[in-house]
Amino acid sequence: MKRRVLYANANYEDIVRKNGYFVDKTAYVERLEYIENPVFLRPRRFGKSLWCRILECYYDIVRKDDFERLFGHTWIGKNPTPLRNSLFVLHLDFSVVDHAGTIADIERSFNLTVNDKAETMIGLSEAWFEGNLAIDSTGSTSPRNTPG
C-alpha cells in the first residue's frame, strides 16, 4: 500500500492506521528523557502537536497493548526506553476552553475541561485505579487553601 502525506493531521494513531507518511523522529524520545523541562518552540505547522501526540502514545500506560502496532516500524519501537508505556497521560487541549465572558466564566470553563479530561483518563485507566480515584466534576481544579 502506498503511503500518503496526511496533511494537517496531528493524530499519530490515525497516521499509523491510514499508513500515512511521516518522518521518524522517535530517536529524540530517548534524548528527551534526559531533559528536565523540555519546551517545544517551533513556528506554526512544524509538527508540535503531532510530536506531543507521539509522546502521548509512547508513554501512556493505556496504550501498552498497541505498542508494536504504533511503534514497531520506528526507531523507538526497535530501541524502547524503560519508561515506555509506563505513565498515566492526561491530554489537555486548552483551545476548547471558552474564553468569553467574565473571569469566573472562563475559570468555570477551564475547570470543566480539565475535570472532564481527568475523568476520561481515570475511566480509561480504571484497571490500575481499581475505583479508588474519583474527580468531583463540579469542583475547582485549583488547589485548596490549607492552613500552613
N, C-alpha and C. Protein backbone atom coordinates (compact mmCIF):
# COMPACT_ATOMS: atom_id res chain seq x y z
N MET A 1 0.85 -1.18 0.00
CA MET A 1 0.00 0.00 0.00
C MET A 1 0.89 1.24 0.00
N LYS A 2 0.59 2.15 -0.87
CA LYS A 2 1.38 3.37 -1.00
C LYS A 2 1.08 4.32 0.17
N ARG A 3 2.13 4.94 0.70
CA ARG A 3 1.97 5.90 1.79
C ARG A 3 1.55 7.25 1.23
N ARG A 4 0.65 7.91 1.98
CA ARG A 4 0.19 9.24 1.60
C ARG A 4 0.59 10.22 2.69
N VAL A 5 0.79 11.47 2.30
CA VAL A 5 1.02 12.53 3.27
C VAL A 5 -0.36 12.99 3.73
N LEU A 6 -0.63 12.82 5.01
CA LEU A 6 -1.92 13.21 5.56
C LEU A 6 -1.79 14.63 6.09
N TYR A 7 -1.97 15.59 5.22
CA TYR A 7 -1.76 16.99 5.55
C TYR A 7 -2.66 17.43 6.70
N ALA A 8 -2.09 18.17 7.62
CA ALA A 8 -2.79 18.78 8.76
C ALA A 8 -3.37 17.74 9.73
N ASN A 9 -2.83 16.53 9.71
CA ASN A 9 -3.28 15.50 10.64
C ASN A 9 -2.23 15.35 11.73
N ALA A 10 -2.59 15.70 12.96
CA ALA A 10 -1.67 15.62 14.09
C ALA A 10 -1.99 14.43 14.99
N ASN A 11 -2.79 13.50 14.50
CA ASN A 11 -3.16 12.33 15.28
C ASN A 11 -2.29 11.15 14.85
N TYR A 12 -1.28 10.83 15.67
CA TYR A 12 -0.33 9.78 15.33
C TYR A 12 -1.01 8.43 15.10
N GLU A 13 -1.95 8.08 15.94
CA GLU A 13 -2.66 6.80 15.78
C GLU A 13 -3.37 6.73 14.43
N ASP A 14 -3.95 7.84 14.01
CA ASP A 14 -4.64 7.92 12.73
C ASP A 14 -3.65 7.78 11.57
N ILE A 15 -2.50 8.41 11.68
CA ILE A 15 -1.47 8.33 10.63
C ILE A 15 -0.99 6.89 10.48
N VAL A 16 -0.76 6.21 11.60
CA VAL A 16 -0.32 4.81 11.54
C VAL A 16 -1.42 3.95 10.94
N ARG A 17 -2.66 4.13 11.39
CA ARG A 17 -3.79 3.32 10.91
C ARG A 17 -4.00 3.50 9.40
N LYS A 18 -3.82 4.72 8.90
CA LYS A 18 -4.03 5.00 7.48
C LYS A 18 -2.75 4.85 6.65
N ASN A 19 -1.70 4.30 7.29
CA ASN A 19 -0.42 4.10 6.62
C ASN A 19 0.10 5.42 6.03
N GLY A 20 -0.06 6.48 6.77
CA GLY A 20 0.39 7.78 6.32
C GLY A 20 1.88 7.94 6.44
N TYR A 21 2.41 8.83 5.64
CA TYR A 21 3.85 9.11 5.65
C TYR A 21 4.16 10.11 6.75
N PHE A 22 5.23 9.85 7.48
CA PHE A 22 5.75 10.83 8.42
C PHE A 22 7.24 10.56 8.60
N VAL A 23 7.97 11.60 8.96
CA VAL A 23 9.40 11.47 9.18
C VAL A 23 9.61 10.93 10.60
N ASP A 24 10.30 9.82 10.71
CA ASP A 24 10.51 9.18 12.01
C ASP A 24 11.57 9.94 12.80
N LYS A 25 11.09 10.68 13.79
CA LYS A 25 11.98 11.41 14.69
C LYS A 25 11.93 10.83 16.09
N THR A 26 11.52 9.56 16.18
CA THR A 26 11.34 8.96 17.50
C THR A 26 12.64 8.72 18.25
N ALA A 27 13.78 8.83 17.59
CA ALA A 27 15.06 8.71 18.29
C ALA A 27 15.20 9.83 19.33
N TYR A 28 14.48 10.91 19.13
CA TYR A 28 14.53 12.03 20.08
C TYR A 28 13.79 11.72 21.39
N VAL A 29 12.93 10.72 21.38
CA VAL A 29 12.21 10.36 22.61
C VAL A 29 13.22 10.02 23.71
N GLU A 30 14.17 9.19 23.39
CA GLU A 30 15.18 8.80 24.39
C GLU A 30 15.96 10.02 24.88
N ARG A 31 16.31 10.90 23.98
CA ARG A 31 17.05 12.11 24.37
C ARG A 31 16.22 13.00 25.29
N LEU A 32 14.93 13.09 25.02
CA LEU A 32 14.06 13.93 25.84
C LEU A 32 13.97 13.44 27.29
N GLU A 33 14.16 12.16 27.50
CA GLU A 33 14.06 11.63 28.86
C GLU A 33 15.17 12.16 29.77
N TYR A 34 16.19 12.72 29.19
CA TYR A 34 17.29 13.29 29.98
C TYR A 34 17.17 14.80 30.17
N ILE A 35 16.16 15.41 29.59
CA ILE A 35 15.95 16.85 29.70
C ILE A 35 14.90 17.09 30.77
N GLU A 36 15.24 17.91 31.75
CA GLU A 36 14.36 18.10 32.90
C GLU A 36 13.06 18.82 32.55
N ASN A 37 13.11 19.89 31.79
CA ASN A 37 11.91 20.65 31.45
C ASN A 37 11.89 20.97 29.96
N PRO A 38 11.52 20.01 29.13
CA PRO A 38 11.53 20.29 27.69
C PRO A 38 10.44 21.29 27.29
N VAL A 39 10.78 22.14 26.35
CA VAL A 39 9.84 23.11 25.80
C VAL A 39 9.93 23.00 24.28
N PHE A 40 8.79 22.93 23.63
CA PHE A 40 8.77 22.80 22.18
C PHE A 40 8.34 24.13 21.55
N LEU A 41 9.30 24.86 21.04
CA LEU A 41 9.03 26.14 20.40
C LEU A 41 9.40 26.02 18.92
N ARG A 42 8.41 26.01 18.09
CA ARG A 42 8.59 25.94 16.65
C ARG A 42 7.52 26.82 16.00
N PRO A 43 7.76 27.24 14.78
CA PRO A 43 6.72 28.01 14.07
C PRO A 43 5.48 27.15 13.82
N ARG A 44 4.43 27.80 13.42
CA ARG A 44 3.20 27.09 13.08
C ARG A 44 3.48 26.05 12.00
N ARG A 45 2.73 24.95 12.07
CA ARG A 45 2.77 23.88 11.08
C ARG A 45 4.10 23.14 11.04
N PHE A 46 4.82 23.09 12.17
CA PHE A 46 6.09 22.38 12.23
C PHE A 46 5.99 21.08 13.01
N GLY A 47 4.79 20.61 13.32
CA GLY A 47 4.61 19.30 13.90
C GLY A 47 4.65 19.21 15.41
N LYS A 48 4.43 20.32 16.10
CA LYS A 48 4.44 20.27 17.58
C LYS A 48 3.32 19.38 18.11
N SER A 49 2.13 19.53 17.57
CA SER A 49 1.00 18.73 18.05
C SER A 49 1.21 17.24 17.75
N LEU A 50 1.72 16.94 16.57
CA LEU A 50 1.99 15.53 16.22
C LEU A 50 3.06 14.96 17.14
N TRP A 51 4.10 15.73 17.42
CA TRP A 51 5.16 15.26 18.31
C TRP A 51 4.61 14.98 19.71
N CYS A 52 3.79 15.87 20.22
CA CYS A 52 3.19 15.65 21.54
C CYS A 52 2.29 14.42 21.53
N ARG A 53 1.60 14.20 20.44
CA ARG A 53 0.73 13.01 20.33
C ARG A 53 1.56 11.73 20.28
N ILE A 54 2.71 11.78 19.59
CA ILE A 54 3.62 10.63 19.57
C ILE A 54 4.09 10.33 20.99
N LEU A 55 4.48 11.36 21.71
CA LEU A 55 4.92 11.17 23.10
C LEU A 55 3.80 10.61 23.96
N GLU A 56 2.59 11.10 23.75
CA GLU A 56 1.43 10.59 24.49
C GLU A 56 1.25 9.09 24.24
N CYS A 57 1.29 8.68 22.98
CA CYS A 57 1.12 7.27 22.63
C CYS A 57 2.26 6.42 23.18
N TYR A 58 3.47 6.97 23.20
CA TYR A 58 4.63 6.22 23.65
C TYR A 58 4.60 5.98 25.17
N TYR A 59 4.25 6.99 25.92
CA TYR A 59 4.32 6.89 27.38
C TYR A 59 3.04 6.39 28.04
N ASP A 60 1.90 6.50 27.38
CA ASP A 60 0.62 6.19 28.00
C ASP A 60 0.47 4.71 28.30
N ILE A 61 0.25 4.40 29.55
CA ILE A 61 0.10 3.01 30.00
C ILE A 61 -1.14 2.35 29.37
N VAL A 62 -2.13 3.14 29.04
CA VAL A 62 -3.36 2.61 28.44
C VAL A 62 -3.10 2.04 27.04
N ARG A 63 -2.07 2.54 26.37
CA ARG A 63 -1.75 2.09 25.00
C ARG A 63 -0.67 0.99 24.98
N LYS A 64 -0.40 0.39 26.10
CA LYS A 64 0.66 -0.62 26.21
C LYS A 64 0.47 -1.76 25.22
N ASP A 65 -0.74 -2.23 25.06
CA ASP A 65 -1.01 -3.35 24.15
C ASP A 65 -0.89 -2.96 22.68
N ASP A 66 -0.87 -1.67 22.37
CA ASP A 66 -0.77 -1.19 20.99
C ASP A 66 0.66 -0.79 20.60
N PHE A 67 1.63 -1.02 21.50
CA PHE A 67 2.98 -0.53 21.25
C PHE A 67 3.55 -1.03 19.93
N GLU A 68 3.47 -2.30 19.68
CA GLU A 68 4.05 -2.86 18.45
C GLU A 68 3.40 -2.28 17.20
N ARG A 69 2.08 -2.16 17.23
CA ARG A 69 1.37 -1.60 16.07
C ARG A 69 1.75 -0.14 15.85
N LEU A 70 1.85 0.63 16.94
CA LEU A 70 2.13 2.06 16.82
C LEU A 70 3.60 2.37 16.56
N PHE A 71 4.50 1.58 17.15
CA PHE A 71 5.91 1.95 17.11
C PHE A 71 6.85 0.88 16.55
N GLY A 72 6.34 -0.30 16.22
CA GLY A 72 7.20 -1.37 15.74
C GLY A 72 8.05 -0.99 14.54
N HIS A 73 7.57 -0.10 13.71
CA HIS A 73 8.27 0.31 12.49
C HIS A 73 9.19 1.51 12.70
N THR A 74 9.29 2.02 13.93
CA THR A 74 10.06 3.23 14.20
C THR A 74 11.34 2.92 14.96
N TRP A 75 12.21 3.93 15.06
CA TRP A 75 13.45 3.78 15.80
C TRP A 75 13.17 3.42 17.26
N ILE A 76 12.26 4.15 17.89
CA ILE A 76 11.98 3.91 19.32
C ILE A 76 11.30 2.56 19.52
N GLY A 77 10.60 2.08 18.52
CA GLY A 77 9.99 0.75 18.62
C GLY A 77 11.04 -0.35 18.65
N LYS A 78 12.15 -0.11 17.99
CA LYS A 78 13.25 -1.08 17.97
C LYS A 78 14.22 -0.85 19.14
N ASN A 79 14.13 0.33 19.77
CA ASN A 79 15.03 0.70 20.87
C ASN A 79 14.25 1.34 22.01
N PRO A 80 13.28 0.65 22.58
CA PRO A 80 12.43 1.29 23.61
C PRO A 80 13.20 1.60 24.89
N THR A 81 12.73 2.61 25.58
CA THR A 81 13.31 3.00 26.87
C THR A 81 12.52 2.32 27.99
N PRO A 82 13.08 2.30 29.20
CA PRO A 82 12.35 1.70 30.32
C PRO A 82 11.02 2.40 30.64
N LEU A 83 10.87 3.65 30.23
CA LEU A 83 9.63 4.38 30.54
C LEU A 83 8.50 4.13 29.53
N ARG A 84 8.76 3.31 28.55
CA ARG A 84 7.76 3.04 27.52
C ARG A 84 6.46 2.55 28.16
N ASN A 85 5.34 3.19 27.80
CA ASN A 85 4.01 2.82 28.26
C ASN A 85 3.94 2.59 29.77
N SER A 86 4.53 3.49 30.54
CA SER A 86 4.56 3.31 31.99
C SER A 86 3.92 4.46 32.77
N LEU A 87 3.34 5.42 32.08
CA LEU A 87 2.81 6.60 32.75
C LEU A 87 1.32 6.81 32.44
N PHE A 88 0.65 7.48 33.35
CA PHE A 88 -0.72 7.92 33.09
C PHE A 88 -0.62 9.28 32.41
N VAL A 89 -1.21 9.40 31.24
CA VAL A 89 -1.10 10.62 30.46
C VAL A 89 -2.43 11.35 30.48
N LEU A 90 -2.39 12.60 30.87
CA LEU A 90 -3.57 13.47 30.87
C LEU A 90 -3.43 14.43 29.70
N HIS A 91 -4.21 14.20 28.65
CA HIS A 91 -4.17 15.02 27.44
C HIS A 91 -5.08 16.23 27.62
N LEU A 92 -4.49 17.41 27.62
CA LEU A 92 -5.27 18.64 27.77
C LEU A 92 -5.18 19.48 26.51
N ASP A 93 -6.31 20.00 26.07
CA ASP A 93 -6.38 20.88 24.92
C ASP A 93 -7.11 22.14 25.36
N PHE A 94 -6.35 23.19 25.65
CA PHE A 94 -6.94 24.41 26.17
C PHE A 94 -7.63 25.26 25.11
N SER A 95 -7.52 24.85 23.85
CA SER A 95 -8.22 25.61 22.80
C SER A 95 -9.73 25.45 22.92
N VAL A 96 -10.19 24.43 23.66
CA VAL A 96 -11.63 24.23 23.82
C VAL A 96 -12.21 25.00 25.01
N VAL A 97 -11.33 25.63 25.80
CA VAL A 97 -11.82 26.43 26.93
C VAL A 97 -12.46 27.70 26.38
N ASP A 98 -13.71 27.94 26.78
CA ASP A 98 -14.44 29.13 26.33
C ASP A 98 -13.85 30.36 27.01
N HIS A 99 -13.29 31.26 26.21
CA HIS A 99 -12.65 32.45 26.76
C HIS A 99 -13.56 33.68 26.75
N ALA A 100 -14.82 33.47 26.50
CA ALA A 100 -15.77 34.58 26.50
C ALA A 100 -16.38 34.74 27.90
N GLY A 101 -16.78 35.93 28.22
CA GLY A 101 -17.44 36.16 29.50
C GLY A 101 -16.50 36.69 30.55
N THR A 102 -16.91 36.53 31.77
CA THR A 102 -16.15 37.05 32.91
C THR A 102 -15.02 36.08 33.27
N ILE A 103 -14.15 36.52 34.15
CA ILE A 103 -13.08 35.65 34.64
C ILE A 103 -13.69 34.40 35.28
N ALA A 104 -14.79 34.57 36.02
CA ALA A 104 -15.45 33.42 36.65
C ALA A 104 -15.97 32.45 35.58
N ASP A 105 -16.51 32.97 34.47
CA ASP A 105 -16.99 32.11 33.38
C ASP A 105 -15.83 31.33 32.75
N ILE A 106 -14.72 32.01 32.54
CA ILE A 106 -13.54 31.36 31.95
C ILE A 106 -13.00 30.30 32.89
N GLU A 107 -12.95 30.62 34.18
CA GLU A 107 -12.46 29.66 35.17
C GLU A 107 -13.37 28.43 35.21
N ARG A 108 -14.68 28.66 35.13
CA ARG A 108 -15.64 27.55 35.14
C ARG A 108 -15.42 26.66 33.91
N SER A 109 -15.23 27.28 32.74
CA SER A 109 -14.99 26.51 31.53
C SER A 109 -13.67 25.73 31.62
N PHE A 110 -12.65 26.36 32.17
CA PHE A 110 -11.37 25.70 32.37
C PHE A 110 -11.53 24.49 33.29
N ASN A 111 -12.20 24.69 34.42
CA ASN A 111 -12.40 23.61 35.38
C ASN A 111 -13.17 22.45 34.77
N LEU A 112 -14.22 22.75 34.02
CA LEU A 112 -15.00 21.70 33.38
C LEU A 112 -14.15 20.92 32.38
N THR A 113 -13.34 21.64 31.61
CA THR A 113 -12.50 21.00 30.61
C THR A 113 -11.48 20.07 31.26
N VAL A 114 -10.78 20.57 32.27
CA VAL A 114 -9.75 19.77 32.94
C VAL A 114 -10.38 18.59 33.68
N ASN A 115 -11.45 18.83 34.39
CA ASN A 115 -12.11 17.75 35.13
C ASN A 115 -12.65 16.67 34.19
N ASP A 116 -13.20 17.08 33.05
CA ASP A 116 -13.71 16.11 32.07
C ASP A 116 -12.58 15.24 31.55
N LYS A 117 -11.45 15.85 31.22
CA LYS A 117 -10.30 15.08 30.72
C LYS A 117 -9.74 14.17 31.80
N ALA A 118 -9.72 14.66 33.06
CA ALA A 118 -9.23 13.83 34.16
C ALA A 118 -10.15 12.62 34.36
N GLU A 119 -11.45 12.84 34.28
CA GLU A 119 -12.41 11.72 34.39
C GLU A 119 -12.21 10.71 33.28
N THR A 120 -11.97 11.21 32.06
CA THR A 120 -11.74 10.32 30.93
C THR A 120 -10.49 9.48 31.16
N MET A 121 -9.40 10.12 31.60
CA MET A 121 -8.15 9.40 31.85
C MET A 121 -8.35 8.34 32.94
N ILE A 122 -9.04 8.70 34.00
CA ILE A 122 -9.29 7.76 35.09
C ILE A 122 -10.15 6.60 34.60
N GLY A 123 -11.16 6.91 33.79
CA GLY A 123 -12.01 5.85 33.24
C GLY A 123 -11.24 4.88 32.36
N LEU A 124 -10.35 5.40 31.52
CA LEU A 124 -9.54 4.54 30.65
C LEU A 124 -8.52 3.74 31.45
N SER A 125 -8.13 4.26 32.59
CA SER A 125 -7.12 3.62 33.43
C SER A 125 -7.73 2.92 34.63
N GLU A 126 -9.00 2.61 34.57
CA GLU A 126 -9.74 2.05 35.71
C GLU A 126 -9.10 0.79 36.28
N ALA A 127 -8.51 -0.02 35.42
CA ALA A 127 -7.90 -1.26 35.90
C ALA A 127 -6.77 -0.98 36.90
N TRP A 128 -6.08 0.14 36.73
CA TRP A 128 -4.98 0.47 37.63
C TRP A 128 -5.47 1.17 38.89
N PHE A 129 -6.50 1.98 38.76
CA PHE A 129 -7.00 2.74 39.91
C PHE A 129 -7.98 1.93 40.76
N GLU A 130 -8.54 0.87 40.18
CA GLU A 130 -9.46 -0.03 40.88
C GLU A 130 -10.58 0.70 41.61
N GLY A 131 -11.09 1.77 41.01
CA GLY A 131 -12.21 2.50 41.60
C GLY A 131 -11.85 3.35 42.80
N ASN A 132 -10.57 3.51 43.08
CA ASN A 132 -10.14 4.25 44.26
C ASN A 132 -9.90 5.73 44.00
N LEU A 133 -10.20 6.21 42.81
CA LEU A 133 -9.96 7.60 42.48
C LEU A 133 -11.17 8.16 41.77
N ALA A 134 -11.60 9.34 42.18
CA ALA A 134 -12.75 9.98 41.55
C ALA A 134 -12.49 11.48 41.46
N ILE A 135 -13.11 12.09 40.48
CA ILE A 135 -13.00 13.53 40.27
C ILE A 135 -14.35 14.17 40.58
N ASP A 136 -14.33 15.22 41.36
CA ASP A 136 -15.54 15.99 41.62
C ASP A 136 -15.70 16.96 40.44
N SER A 137 -16.47 16.56 39.44
CA SER A 137 -16.56 17.35 38.21
C SER A 137 -17.26 18.68 38.42
N THR A 138 -17.88 18.89 39.56
CA THR A 138 -18.50 20.19 39.82
C THR A 138 -17.53 21.11 40.56
N GLY A 139 -16.41 20.57 41.01
CA GLY A 139 -15.46 21.34 41.81
C GLY A 139 -14.43 22.06 40.98
N SER A 140 -13.56 22.74 41.68
CA SER A 140 -12.50 23.52 41.06
C SER A 140 -11.26 22.66 40.86
N THR A 141 -10.46 23.01 39.86
CA THR A 141 -9.17 22.35 39.67
C THR A 141 -8.10 23.05 40.48
N SER A 142 -8.44 24.17 41.10
CA SER A 142 -7.47 24.92 41.88
C SER A 142 -7.17 24.21 43.18
N PRO A 143 -5.92 24.34 43.66
CA PRO A 143 -5.60 23.71 44.96
C PRO A 143 -6.39 24.36 46.08
N ARG A 144 -6.74 23.55 47.05
CA ARG A 144 -7.48 24.08 48.20
C ARG A 144 -6.52 24.85 49.11
N ASN A 145 -7.03 25.90 49.72
CA ASN A 145 -6.22 26.65 50.69
C ASN A 145 -6.16 25.83 51.97
N THR A 146 -4.96 25.54 52.39
CA THR A 146 -4.78 24.78 53.61
C THR A 146 -3.97 25.62 54.59
N PRO A 147 -4.32 25.55 55.83
CA PRO A 147 -3.55 26.32 56.79
C PRO A 147 -2.11 25.83 56.82
N GLY A 148 -1.19 26.75 56.86
CA GLY A 148 0.18 26.31 56.76
C GLY A 148 1.02 26.75 57.83
